[in-house]
Amino acid sequence: MTVIAALGFEPQMRLGSLAVTAALAIAALLAARPRVRAATEIGRITPMQLELEILERGASRSYDGRPPLEVGRDRAADLILRDPEVSRRHARFESHEGIVYVEDLRSSNGTFLNGRRVIESIEIRPGDEIDVGTTRIVVRSIRPG
């Protein structure tokens, strides 16, 4: 009798559990993988142009701008929001080698990309939804500009 059998574990059960654990770990790694593309795939396209739709206080408006641009309640922000849940300096859009990123500027209520809290700069794509306070920013297009 093996030690595994003496402990009440069947070898098939143990291997099955390991397979499930490995599959879950791989799925978690793939889900957490940063959105990065090789520079050769996209080239060195700068500057970039952002077209955003701002859904704030029941109203919708468009915003076109070039990163870097800052979002917040402060009058010095490039994209000024009137939402009291938004920090003075809430978030920033940056571009690097043809990729546009959003980052939280240590805001009080956080910045969320597609429902997930932004903890470091992360790539954004057309169709993404960025929540700052109670305001939603929808990325309509990203193009060389």
N, C-alpha and C. Protein backbone atom coordinates (compact mmCIF):
# COMPACT_ATOMS: atom_id res chain seq x y z
N MET A 1 0.85 -1.17 0.00
CA MET A 1 0.00 0.00 0.00
C MET A 1 0.90 1.24 0.00
N THR A 2 0.55 2.20 -0.86
CA THR A 2 1.34 3.42 -0.94
C THR A 2 0.89 4.41 0.13
N VAL A 3 1.73 5.40 0.35
CA VAL A 3 1.40 6.43 1.35
C VAL A 3 0.15 7.18 0.92
N ILE A 4 0.01 7.45 -0.38
CA ILE A 4 -1.16 8.18 -0.89
C ILE A 4 -2.43 7.38 -0.62
N ALA A 5 -2.38 6.08 -0.90
CA ALA A 5 -3.56 5.24 -0.65
C ALA A 5 -3.84 5.14 0.84
N ALA A 6 -2.78 5.10 1.66
CA ALA A 6 -2.97 5.01 3.11
C ALA A 6 -3.65 6.27 3.65
N LEU A 7 -3.42 7.41 3.02
CA LEU A 7 -4.05 8.65 3.46
C LEU A 7 -5.47 8.80 2.92
N GLY A 8 -5.89 7.88 2.08
CA GLY A 8 -7.25 7.93 1.57
C GLY A 8 -7.38 8.66 0.24
N PHE A 9 -6.27 8.99 -0.42
CA PHE A 9 -6.31 9.66 -1.72
C PHE A 9 -6.07 8.66 -2.82
N GLU A 10 -6.88 8.70 -3.81
CA GLU A 10 -6.68 7.87 -4.98
C GLU A 10 -5.77 8.63 -5.94
N PRO A 11 -4.81 7.97 -6.60
CA PRO A 11 -3.91 8.68 -7.52
C PRO A 11 -4.67 9.43 -8.62
N GLN A 12 -5.78 8.85 -9.14
CA GLN A 12 -6.54 9.52 -10.19
C GLN A 12 -7.17 10.80 -9.67
N MET A 13 -7.64 10.77 -8.44
CA MET A 13 -8.27 11.94 -7.85
C MET A 13 -7.24 13.06 -7.69
N ARG A 14 -6.06 12.72 -7.27
CA ARG A 14 -5.01 13.71 -7.05
C ARG A 14 -4.60 14.34 -8.39
N LEU A 15 -4.42 13.54 -9.42
CA LEU A 15 -4.03 14.07 -10.72
C LEU A 15 -5.15 14.93 -11.31
N GLY A 16 -6.39 14.52 -11.12
CA GLY A 16 -7.51 15.32 -11.61
C GLY A 16 -7.57 16.67 -10.92
N SER A 17 -7.33 16.68 -9.62
CA SER A 17 -7.33 17.94 -8.88
C SER A 17 -6.20 18.84 -9.33
N LEU A 18 -5.05 18.28 -9.60
CA LEU A 18 -3.91 19.07 -10.08
C LEU A 18 -4.21 19.65 -11.46
N ALA A 19 -4.86 18.89 -12.31
CA ALA A 19 -5.20 19.37 -13.64
C ALA A 19 -6.17 20.54 -13.57
N VAL A 20 -7.15 20.43 -12.70
CA VAL A 20 -8.12 21.52 -12.54
C VAL A 20 -7.43 22.76 -11.99
N THR A 21 -6.57 22.57 -10.99
CA THR A 21 -5.84 23.70 -10.40
C THR A 21 -4.95 24.36 -11.45
N ALA A 22 -4.26 23.57 -12.25
CA ALA A 22 -3.38 24.11 -13.30
C ALA A 22 -4.20 24.87 -14.34
N ALA A 23 -5.35 24.35 -14.72
CA ALA A 23 -6.20 25.02 -15.71
C ALA A 23 -6.71 26.35 -15.16
N LEU A 24 -7.09 26.38 -13.89
CA LEU A 24 -7.55 27.63 -13.27
C LEU A 24 -6.42 28.66 -13.19
N ALA A 25 -5.21 28.19 -12.88
CA ALA A 25 -4.06 29.09 -12.80
C ALA A 25 -3.75 29.68 -14.17
N ILE A 26 -3.81 28.88 -15.21
CA ILE A 26 -3.55 29.37 -16.58
C ILE A 26 -4.62 30.37 -16.99
N ALA A 27 -5.88 30.07 -16.69
CA ALA A 27 -6.96 31.00 -17.02
C ALA A 27 -6.78 32.33 -16.29
N ALA A 28 -6.36 32.30 -15.03
CA ALA A 28 -6.13 33.53 -14.27
C ALA A 28 -4.98 34.33 -14.86
N LEU A 29 -3.92 33.67 -15.27
CA LEU A 29 -2.79 34.37 -15.89
C LEU A 29 -3.19 35.02 -17.20
N LEU A 30 -3.95 34.32 -18.01
CA LEU A 30 -4.39 34.89 -19.29
C LEU A 30 -5.32 36.07 -19.08
N ALA A 31 -6.19 36.00 -18.09
CA ALA A 31 -7.12 37.10 -17.81
C ALA A 31 -6.39 38.33 -17.28
N ALA A 32 -5.32 38.12 -16.54
CA ALA A 32 -4.57 39.23 -15.94
C ALA A 32 -3.46 39.76 -16.85
N ARG A 33 -3.28 39.11 -17.99
CA ARG A 33 -2.20 39.50 -18.90
C ARG A 33 -2.40 40.93 -19.38
N PRO A 34 -1.37 41.77 -19.32
CA PRO A 34 -1.52 43.16 -19.77
C PRO A 34 -1.77 43.22 -21.27
N ARG A 35 -2.49 44.25 -21.67
CA ARG A 35 -2.78 44.43 -23.08
C ARG A 35 -1.59 45.11 -23.75
N VAL A 36 -0.71 44.33 -24.30
CA VAL A 36 0.48 44.88 -24.94
C VAL A 36 0.63 44.22 -26.29
N ARG A 37 0.97 45.04 -27.27
CA ARG A 37 1.25 44.50 -28.60
C ARG A 37 2.68 44.86 -28.96
N ALA A 38 3.30 44.04 -29.77
CA ALA A 38 4.68 44.29 -30.18
C ALA A 38 4.76 45.57 -30.99
N ALA A 39 5.85 46.32 -30.80
CA ALA A 39 6.03 47.58 -31.52
C ALA A 39 6.09 47.33 -33.03
N THR A 40 6.63 46.17 -33.46
CA THR A 40 6.69 45.88 -34.89
C THR A 40 5.30 45.70 -35.48
N GLU A 41 4.37 45.24 -34.66
CA GLU A 41 2.99 45.04 -35.12
C GLU A 41 2.28 46.36 -35.38
N ILE A 42 2.57 47.39 -34.56
CA ILE A 42 1.85 48.65 -34.67
C ILE A 42 2.69 49.79 -35.21
N GLY A 43 4.01 49.63 -35.18
CA GLY A 43 4.88 50.70 -35.65
C GLY A 43 4.99 51.82 -34.63
N ARG A 44 5.69 52.88 -35.01
CA ARG A 44 5.88 54.02 -34.11
C ARG A 44 4.94 55.14 -34.56
N ILE A 45 3.66 55.01 -34.21
CA ILE A 45 2.65 55.98 -34.63
C ILE A 45 2.41 56.95 -33.48
N THR A 46 2.85 58.17 -33.65
CA THR A 46 2.58 59.21 -32.66
C THR A 46 2.43 60.51 -33.41
N PRO A 47 1.69 61.44 -32.95
CA PRO A 47 0.80 61.37 -31.80
C PRO A 47 -0.49 60.63 -32.13
N MET A 48 -1.25 60.33 -31.10
CA MET A 48 -2.51 59.63 -31.26
C MET A 48 -3.66 60.60 -30.98
N GLN A 49 -4.81 60.31 -31.58
CA GLN A 49 -6.02 61.12 -31.40
C GLN A 49 -7.09 60.24 -30.75
N LEU A 50 -7.69 60.75 -29.67
CA LEU A 50 -8.75 60.04 -28.96
C LEU A 50 -10.09 60.69 -29.22
N GLU A 51 -11.09 59.88 -29.49
CA GLU A 51 -12.47 60.37 -29.54
C GLU A 51 -13.22 59.66 -28.42
N LEU A 52 -13.71 60.46 -27.47
CA LEU A 52 -14.37 59.92 -26.29
C LEU A 52 -15.81 60.42 -26.22
N GLU A 53 -16.67 59.60 -25.63
CA GLU A 53 -18.04 60.02 -25.33
C GLU A 53 -18.14 60.07 -23.81
N ILE A 54 -18.55 61.23 -23.29
CA ILE A 54 -18.65 61.44 -21.85
C ILE A 54 -20.11 61.35 -21.45
N LEU A 55 -20.44 60.42 -20.57
CA LEU A 55 -21.80 60.26 -20.05
C LEU A 55 -21.77 60.74 -18.60
N GLU A 56 -22.23 61.98 -18.41
CA GLU A 56 -22.11 62.64 -17.12
C GLU A 56 -23.43 63.30 -16.74
N ARG A 57 -23.93 62.94 -15.56
CA ARG A 57 -25.16 63.54 -15.02
C ARG A 57 -26.34 63.45 -15.99
N GLY A 58 -26.51 62.31 -16.62
CA GLY A 58 -27.64 62.09 -17.50
C GLY A 58 -27.50 62.71 -18.88
N ALA A 59 -26.37 63.34 -19.16
CA ALA A 59 -26.14 63.97 -20.46
C ALA A 59 -24.94 63.32 -21.14
N SER A 60 -24.89 63.47 -22.45
CA SER A 60 -23.80 62.90 -23.24
C SER A 60 -23.13 64.02 -24.03
N ARG A 61 -21.81 63.96 -24.09
CA ARG A 61 -21.06 64.91 -24.91
C ARG A 61 -19.83 64.21 -25.46
N SER A 62 -19.31 64.77 -26.54
CA SER A 62 -18.11 64.20 -27.17
C SER A 62 -16.89 65.00 -26.76
N TYR A 63 -15.75 64.33 -26.79
CA TYR A 63 -14.48 64.99 -26.52
C TYR A 63 -13.44 64.40 -27.46
N ASP A 64 -12.74 65.26 -28.18
CA ASP A 64 -11.62 64.84 -29.02
C ASP A 64 -10.36 65.47 -28.45
N GLY A 65 -9.32 64.68 -28.29
CA GLY A 65 -8.08 65.20 -27.74
C GLY A 65 -6.91 64.29 -28.03
N ARG A 66 -5.73 64.82 -27.76
CA ARG A 66 -4.50 64.08 -27.94
C ARG A 66 -3.85 63.83 -26.58
N PRO A 67 -3.49 62.58 -26.32
CA PRO A 67 -2.74 62.30 -25.10
C PRO A 67 -1.36 62.96 -25.18
N PRO A 68 -0.77 63.36 -24.07
CA PRO A 68 -1.27 63.15 -22.72
C PRO A 68 -2.38 64.13 -22.38
N LEU A 69 -3.40 63.63 -21.71
CA LEU A 69 -4.47 64.51 -21.23
C LEU A 69 -4.95 64.02 -19.88
N GLU A 70 -5.29 64.98 -19.04
CA GLU A 70 -5.69 64.69 -17.67
C GLU A 70 -7.19 64.90 -17.50
N VAL A 71 -7.80 64.04 -16.70
CA VAL A 71 -9.23 64.09 -16.41
C VAL A 71 -9.41 64.43 -14.93
N GLY A 72 -10.32 65.36 -14.64
CA GLY A 72 -10.59 65.69 -13.25
C GLY A 72 -11.50 66.89 -13.11
N ARG A 73 -11.74 67.32 -11.87
CA ARG A 73 -12.58 68.48 -11.60
C ARG A 73 -11.79 69.79 -11.66
N ASP A 74 -10.48 69.71 -11.57
CA ASP A 74 -9.63 70.89 -11.56
C ASP A 74 -9.73 71.65 -12.88
N ARG A 75 -9.73 72.97 -12.81
CA ARG A 75 -9.81 73.79 -14.02
C ARG A 75 -8.61 73.59 -14.94
N ALA A 76 -7.51 73.12 -14.39
CA ALA A 76 -6.31 72.88 -15.20
C ALA A 76 -6.39 71.56 -15.97
N ALA A 77 -7.38 70.71 -15.67
CA ALA A 77 -7.52 69.42 -16.37
C ALA A 77 -7.89 69.66 -17.82
N ASP A 78 -7.44 68.75 -18.68
CA ASP A 78 -7.78 68.83 -20.11
C ASP A 78 -9.25 68.48 -20.32
N LEU A 79 -9.73 67.48 -19.61
CA LEU A 79 -11.13 67.06 -19.67
C LEU A 79 -11.73 67.31 -18.29
N ILE A 80 -12.49 68.41 -18.16
CA ILE A 80 -13.04 68.81 -16.87
C ILE A 80 -14.41 68.16 -16.68
N LEU A 81 -14.58 67.48 -15.55
CA LEU A 81 -15.85 66.85 -15.21
C LEU A 81 -16.46 67.56 -14.01
N ARG A 82 -17.78 67.67 -14.00
CA ARG A 82 -18.48 68.34 -12.91
C ARG A 82 -19.02 67.34 -11.88
N ASP A 83 -18.58 66.14 -11.94
CA ASP A 83 -19.02 65.06 -11.05
C ASP A 83 -18.34 65.22 -9.68
N PRO A 84 -19.11 65.36 -8.58
CA PRO A 84 -18.50 65.53 -7.26
C PRO A 84 -17.74 64.28 -6.79
N GLU A 85 -17.96 63.13 -7.41
CA GLU A 85 -17.26 61.90 -7.06
C GLU A 85 -15.89 61.80 -7.74
N VAL A 86 -15.58 62.75 -8.62
CA VAL A 86 -14.32 62.76 -9.35
C VAL A 86 -13.32 63.63 -8.59
N SER A 87 -12.09 63.16 -8.48
CA SER A 87 -11.04 63.93 -7.81
C SER A 87 -10.60 65.09 -8.70
N ARG A 88 -9.92 66.06 -8.10
CA ARG A 88 -9.43 67.20 -8.89
C ARG A 88 -8.51 66.72 -10.01
N ARG A 89 -7.61 65.82 -9.67
CA ARG A 89 -6.74 65.17 -10.66
C ARG A 89 -7.04 63.67 -10.55
N HIS A 90 -7.88 63.17 -11.43
CA HIS A 90 -8.41 61.82 -11.25
C HIS A 90 -7.66 60.77 -12.08
N ALA A 91 -7.55 60.99 -13.39
CA ALA A 91 -6.94 60.00 -14.27
C ALA A 91 -6.18 60.71 -15.39
N ARG A 92 -5.32 59.94 -16.06
CA ARG A 92 -4.54 60.49 -17.16
C ARG A 92 -4.50 59.48 -18.32
N PHE A 93 -4.62 60.02 -19.53
CA PHE A 93 -4.42 59.23 -20.74
C PHE A 93 -3.04 59.56 -21.28
N GLU A 94 -2.26 58.54 -21.60
CA GLU A 94 -0.92 58.70 -22.16
C GLU A 94 -0.83 57.83 -23.41
N SER A 95 0.07 58.19 -24.31
CA SER A 95 0.32 57.32 -25.46
C SER A 95 1.82 57.07 -25.57
N HIS A 96 2.13 55.88 -26.02
CA HIS A 96 3.53 55.50 -26.21
C HIS A 96 3.60 54.52 -27.37
N GLU A 97 4.33 54.89 -28.40
CA GLU A 97 4.53 54.03 -29.57
C GLU A 97 3.22 53.51 -30.15
N GLY A 98 2.23 54.39 -30.27
CA GLY A 98 0.99 54.02 -30.92
C GLY A 98 -0.03 53.33 -30.04
N ILE A 99 0.24 53.19 -28.76
CA ILE A 99 -0.69 52.57 -27.82
C ILE A 99 -1.12 53.64 -26.83
N VAL A 100 -2.41 53.71 -26.53
CA VAL A 100 -2.92 54.68 -25.56
C VAL A 100 -3.25 53.94 -24.27
N TYR A 101 -2.83 54.52 -23.16
CA TYR A 101 -3.02 53.93 -21.84
C TYR A 101 -3.83 54.87 -20.96
N VAL A 102 -4.51 54.32 -19.96
CA VAL A 102 -5.16 55.12 -18.93
C VAL A 102 -4.52 54.71 -17.60
N GLU A 103 -4.35 55.71 -16.73
CA GLU A 103 -3.84 55.43 -15.39
C GLU A 103 -4.59 56.27 -14.37
N ASP A 104 -4.75 55.72 -13.19
CA ASP A 104 -5.39 56.43 -12.10
C ASP A 104 -4.34 57.30 -11.42
N LEU A 105 -4.72 58.52 -11.02
CA LEU A 105 -3.79 59.44 -10.37
C LEU A 105 -4.01 59.46 -8.86
N ARG A 106 -4.12 58.27 -8.27
CA ARG A 106 -4.37 58.11 -6.84
C ARG A 106 -5.63 58.86 -6.41
N SER A 107 -6.67 58.69 -7.21
CA SER A 107 -7.94 59.34 -6.93
C SER A 107 -8.61 58.71 -5.71
N SER A 108 -9.53 59.46 -5.12
CA SER A 108 -10.23 58.97 -3.93
C SER A 108 -11.10 57.76 -4.22
N ASN A 109 -11.83 57.79 -5.34
CA ASN A 109 -12.80 56.73 -5.64
C ASN A 109 -12.35 55.76 -6.70
N GLY A 110 -11.15 55.92 -7.24
CA GLY A 110 -10.61 54.98 -8.20
C GLY A 110 -11.09 55.20 -9.62
N THR A 111 -10.39 54.57 -10.53
CA THR A 111 -10.70 54.57 -11.96
C THR A 111 -10.92 53.12 -12.35
N PHE A 112 -11.95 52.86 -13.18
CA PHE A 112 -12.30 51.49 -13.54
C PHE A 112 -12.35 51.35 -15.05
N LEU A 113 -11.69 50.34 -15.57
CA LEU A 113 -11.71 50.03 -17.00
C LEU A 113 -12.55 48.77 -17.19
N ASN A 114 -13.68 48.92 -17.87
CA ASN A 114 -14.58 47.80 -18.11
C ASN A 114 -14.94 47.06 -16.81
N GLY A 115 -15.16 47.85 -15.74
CA GLY A 115 -15.58 47.29 -14.47
C GLY A 115 -14.47 46.83 -13.55
N ARG A 116 -13.22 46.87 -14.01
CA ARG A 116 -12.10 46.42 -13.18
C ARG A 116 -11.25 47.62 -12.78
N ARG A 117 -10.90 47.69 -11.51
CA ARG A 117 -10.13 48.82 -10.99
C ARG A 117 -8.77 48.91 -11.68
N VAL A 118 -8.40 50.12 -12.06
CA VAL A 118 -7.10 50.37 -12.69
C VAL A 118 -6.08 50.57 -11.58
N ILE A 119 -5.09 49.68 -11.50
CA ILE A 119 -4.07 49.79 -10.46
C ILE A 119 -2.72 50.21 -11.05
N GLU A 120 -2.60 50.15 -12.37
CA GLU A 120 -1.41 50.62 -13.07
C GLU A 120 -1.83 51.01 -14.48
N SER A 121 -0.96 51.67 -15.22
CA SER A 121 -1.31 52.04 -16.59
C SER A 121 -1.71 50.81 -17.37
N ILE A 122 -2.81 50.94 -18.11
CA ILE A 122 -3.29 49.81 -18.91
C ILE A 122 -3.78 50.33 -20.26
N GLU A 123 -3.55 49.54 -21.29
CA GLU A 123 -3.95 49.91 -22.64
C GLU A 123 -5.46 50.01 -22.74
N ILE A 124 -5.91 51.01 -23.50
CA ILE A 124 -7.34 51.13 -23.80
C ILE A 124 -7.54 50.91 -25.29
N ARG A 125 -8.75 50.49 -25.62
CA ARG A 125 -9.12 50.20 -27.01
C ARG A 125 -10.50 50.77 -27.29
N PRO A 126 -10.83 50.98 -28.57
CA PRO A 126 -12.18 51.44 -28.89
C PRO A 126 -13.23 50.49 -28.31
N GLY A 127 -14.27 51.09 -27.73
CA GLY A 127 -15.33 50.30 -27.09
C GLY A 127 -15.15 50.15 -25.60
N ASP A 128 -13.95 50.42 -25.09
CA ASP A 128 -13.72 50.33 -23.65
C ASP A 128 -14.53 51.39 -22.92
N GLU A 129 -14.92 51.06 -21.69
CA GLU A 129 -15.66 51.99 -20.83
C GLU A 129 -14.84 52.26 -19.58
N ILE A 130 -14.60 53.54 -19.33
CA ILE A 130 -13.81 53.96 -18.19
C ILE A 130 -14.73 54.71 -17.24
N ASP A 131 -14.82 54.23 -16.00
CA ASP A 131 -15.66 54.87 -15.00
C ASP A 131 -14.79 55.66 -14.03
N VAL A 132 -15.13 56.95 -13.90
CA VAL A 132 -14.49 57.83 -12.92
C VAL A 132 -15.63 58.47 -12.15
N GLY A 133 -15.68 58.22 -10.85
CA GLY A 133 -16.83 58.68 -10.07
C GLY A 133 -18.09 58.05 -10.64
N THR A 134 -19.12 58.87 -10.87
CA THR A 134 -20.35 58.36 -11.48
C THR A 134 -20.38 58.65 -12.98
N THR A 135 -19.28 59.13 -13.52
CA THR A 135 -19.19 59.46 -14.94
C THR A 135 -18.57 58.30 -15.70
N ARG A 136 -19.14 58.02 -16.86
CA ARG A 136 -18.59 56.98 -17.74
C ARG A 136 -18.00 57.63 -18.97
N ILE A 137 -16.79 57.20 -19.33
CA ILE A 137 -16.11 57.67 -20.54
C ILE A 137 -16.00 56.47 -21.46
N VAL A 138 -16.60 56.58 -22.64
CA VAL A 138 -16.56 55.50 -23.62
C VAL A 138 -15.55 55.87 -24.70
N VAL A 139 -14.62 54.97 -24.97
CA VAL A 139 -13.61 55.20 -26.00
C VAL A 139 -14.25 54.90 -27.35
N ARG A 140 -14.49 55.92 -28.15
CA ARG A 140 -15.10 55.75 -29.47
C ARG A 140 -14.08 55.40 -30.54
N SER A 141 -12.94 56.07 -30.53
CA SER A 141 -11.90 55.73 -31.50
C SER A 141 -10.54 56.19 -31.00
N ILE A 142 -9.52 55.47 -31.46
CA ILE A 142 -8.13 55.82 -31.23
C ILE A 142 -7.46 55.73 -32.59
N ARG A 143 -6.87 56.82 -33.02
CA ARG A 143 -6.26 56.83 -34.36
C ARG A 143 -5.04 57.73 -34.37
N PRO A 144 -4.18 57.52 -35.34
CA PRO A 144 -3.02 58.42 -35.46
C PRO A 144 -3.53 59.83 -35.72
N GLY A 145 -2.91 60.80 -35.12
CA GLY A 145 -3.40 62.15 -35.32
C GLY A 145 -2.32 63.14 -35.25
